[in-house]
């Protein structure tokens, strides 16, 4: 199945790296692509994982557009961004 999930708090390539690494850990995921300019995550997975993917994105600090985006999520995205920049 293919998913395109528009997310919040995406700022740069560091964020994209953290998202790719975090989502790729899900065993059912075969590919992850992050479009920074459009704040869009494209994911290919073997089965219906939409809820799991959105949960994992929110855990990383990047909730889907339309979902709650509290200060805690914004702080998590800042940390994820910094970690993603260091892992380049």
C-alpha atoms as a PDB file:
ATOM      1  CA  UNK A   1       0.000   0.000   0.000  1.00  0.00           C
ATOM      2  CA  UNK A   2       1.140   3.533  -0.692  1.00  0.00           C
ATOM      3  CA  UNK A   3       0.556   6.402   1.710  1.00  0.00           C
ATOM      4  CA  UNK A   4       1.022  10.159   1.369  1.00  0.00           C
ATOM      5  CA  UNK A   5       0.731  11.861   4.734  1.00  0.00           C
ATOM      6  CA  UNK A   6       0.962  15.627   5.053  1.00  0.00           C
ATOM      7  CA  UNK A   7       2.654  16.478   8.358  1.00  0.00           C
ATOM      8  CA  UNK A   8       3.287  19.410  10.673  1.00  0.00           C
ATOM      9  CA  UNK A   9       6.601  20.751  12.082  1.00  0.00           C
ATOM     10  CA  UNK A  10       8.750  19.624   9.117  1.00  0.00           C
ATOM     11  CA  UNK A  11      11.520  22.186   8.665  1.00  0.00           C
ATOM     12  CA  UNK A  12      14.543  20.727   6.908  1.00  0.00           C
ATOM     13  CA  UNK A  13      16.597  17.776   5.759  1.00  0.00           C
ATOM     14  CA  UNK A  14      17.500  16.946   9.357  1.00  0.00           C
ATOM     15  CA  UNK A  15      13.808  16.433  10.105  1.00  0.00           C
ATOM     16  CA  UNK A  16      13.508  14.307   6.956  1.00  0.00           C
ATOM     17  CA  UNK A  17      16.419  12.093   8.036  1.00  0.00           C
ATOM     18  CA  UNK A  18      14.842  11.472  11.443  1.00  0.00           C
ATOM     19  CA  UNK A  19      11.484  10.653   9.863  1.00  0.00           C
ATOM     20  CA  UNK A  20      13.051   8.229   7.356  1.00  0.00           C
ATOM     21  CA  UNK A  21      14.997   6.478  10.096  1.00  0.00           C
ATOM     22  CA  UNK A  22      12.043   6.268  12.484  1.00  0.00           C
ATOM     23  CA  UNK A  23       9.472   5.072   9.949  1.00  0.00           C
ATOM     24  CA  UNK A  24      11.900   2.627   8.319  1.00  0.00           C
ATOM     25  CA  UNK A  25      12.129   0.768  11.639  1.00  0.00           C
ATOM     26  CA  UNK A  26       8.591  -0.523  11.113  1.00  0.00           C
ATOM     27  CA  UNK A  27       9.117  -3.965   9.590  1.00  0.00           C
ATOM     28  CA  UNK A  28       6.209  -3.686   7.160  1.00  0.00           C
ATOM     29  CA  UNK A  29       7.616  -0.499   5.557  1.00  0.00           C
ATOM     30  CA  UNK A  30       9.559  -0.970   2.332  1.00  0.00           C
ATOM     31  CA  UNK A  31      10.317   2.664   1.448  1.00  0.00           C
ATOM     32  CA  UNK A  32      10.055   6.183   2.876  1.00  0.00           C
ATOM     33  CA  UNK A  33      10.444   9.450   0.991  1.00  0.00           C
ATOM     34  CA  UNK A  34      10.107  12.883   2.584  1.00  0.00           C
ATOM     35  CA  UNK A  35       9.213  15.946   0.497  1.00  0.00           C
ATOM     36  CA  UNK A  36      10.437  18.779   2.758  1.00  0.00           C
ATOM     37  CA  UNK A  37       9.098  21.548   0.535  1.00  0.00           C
ATOM     38  CA  UNK A  38       5.515  20.223   0.685  1.00  0.00           C
ATOM     39  CA  UNK A  39       5.691  18.653   4.200  1.00  0.00           C
ATOM     40  CA  UNK A  40       4.686  15.310   2.724  1.00  0.00           C
ATOM     41  CA  UNK A  41       5.814  11.827   3.730  1.00  0.00           C
ATOM     42  CA  UNK A  42       5.376   9.097   1.117  1.00  0.00           C
ATOM     43  CA  UNK A  43       5.502   5.579   2.467  1.00  0.00           C
ATOM     44  CA  UNK A  44       5.223   2.181   0.825  1.00  0.00           C
ATOM     45  CA  UNK A  45       4.182  -0.646   3.135  1.00  0.00           C
ATOM     46  CA  UNK A  46       3.102  -4.265   2.801  1.00  0.00           C
ATOM     47  CA  UNK A  47      -0.173  -3.856   4.680  1.00  0.00           C
ATOM     48  CA  UNK A  48      -2.663  -1.320   6.000  1.00  0.00           C
ATOM     49  CA  UNK A  49      -0.615   0.701   8.495  1.00  0.00           C
ATOM     50  CA  UNK A  50      -2.084   4.182   8.247  1.00  0.00           C
ATOM     51  CA  UNK A  51      -2.894   4.471  11.970  1.00  0.00           C
ATOM     52  CA  UNK A  52       0.493   3.036  12.996  1.00  0.00           C
ATOM     53  CA  UNK A  53       2.311   5.379  10.624  1.00  0.00           C
ATOM     54  CA  UNK A  54       0.477   8.441  11.945  1.00  0.00           C
ATOM     55  CA  UNK A  55       1.154   7.341  15.522  1.00  0.00           C
ATOM     56  CA  UNK A  56       4.873   6.923  14.809  1.00  0.00           C
ATOM     57  CA  UNK A  57       5.077  10.281  13.013  1.00  0.00           C
ATOM     58  CA  UNK A  58       3.404  11.984  15.992  1.00  0.00           C
ATOM     59  CA  UNK A  59       5.780  10.192  18.389  1.00  0.00           C
ATOM     60  CA  UNK A  60       8.690  11.643  16.410  1.00  0.00           C
ATOM     61  CA  UNK A  61       7.149  15.131  16.687  1.00  0.00           C
ATOM     62  CA  UNK A  62       5.524  15.334  13.253  1.00  0.00           C
ATOM     63  CA  UNK A  63       1.751  14.812  13.622  1.00  0.00           C
ATOM     64  CA  UNK A  64      -0.399  14.617  10.508  1.00  0.00           C
ATOM     65  CA  UNK A  65      -2.085  17.811   9.366  1.00  0.00           C
ATOM     66  CA  UNK A  66      -5.410  18.105  11.153  1.00  0.00           C
ATOM     67  CA  UNK A  67      -4.216  16.267  14.258  1.00  0.00           C
ATOM     68  CA  UNK A  68      -3.370  17.857  17.588  1.00  0.00           C
ATOM     69  CA  UNK A  69       0.028  19.611  17.551  1.00  0.00           C
ATOM     70  CA  UNK A  70       0.813  20.541  21.151  1.00  0.00           C
ATOM     71  CA  UNK A  71       3.971  22.268  22.319  1.00  0.00           C
ATOM     72  CA  UNK A  72       5.415  18.856  23.236  1.00  0.00           C
ATOM     73  CA  UNK A  73       5.222  17.731  19.602  1.00  0.00           C
ATOM     74  CA  UNK A  74       6.941  20.896  18.459  1.00  0.00           C
ATOM     75  CA  UNK A  75       9.723  20.310  21.001  1.00  0.00           C
ATOM     76  CA  UNK A  76      10.118  16.675  19.888  1.00  0.00           C
ATOM     77  CA  UNK A  77      10.401  17.786  16.255  1.00  0.00           C
ATOM     78  CA  UNK A  78      13.141  20.246  17.227  1.00  0.00           C
ATOM     79  CA  UNK A  79      15.122  17.437  18.893  1.00  0.00           C
ATOM     80  CA  UNK A  80      14.443  15.034  15.989  1.00  0.00           C
ATOM     81  CA  UNK A  81      15.652  17.712  13.583  1.00  0.00           C
ATOM     82  CA  UNK A  82      18.910  18.178  15.498  1.00  0.00           C
ATOM     83  CA  UNK A  83      19.522  14.420  15.679  1.00  0.00           C
ATOM     84  CA  UNK A  84      18.780  14.091  11.966  1.00  0.00           C
ATOM     85  CA  UNK A  85      21.294  16.805  11.133  1.00  0.00           C
ATOM     86  CA  UNK A  86      24.007  15.084  13.163  1.00  0.00           C
ATOM     87  CA  UNK A  87      23.431  11.739  11.437  1.00  0.00           C
ATOM     88  CA  UNK A  88      24.129  13.150   7.956  1.00  0.00           C
END
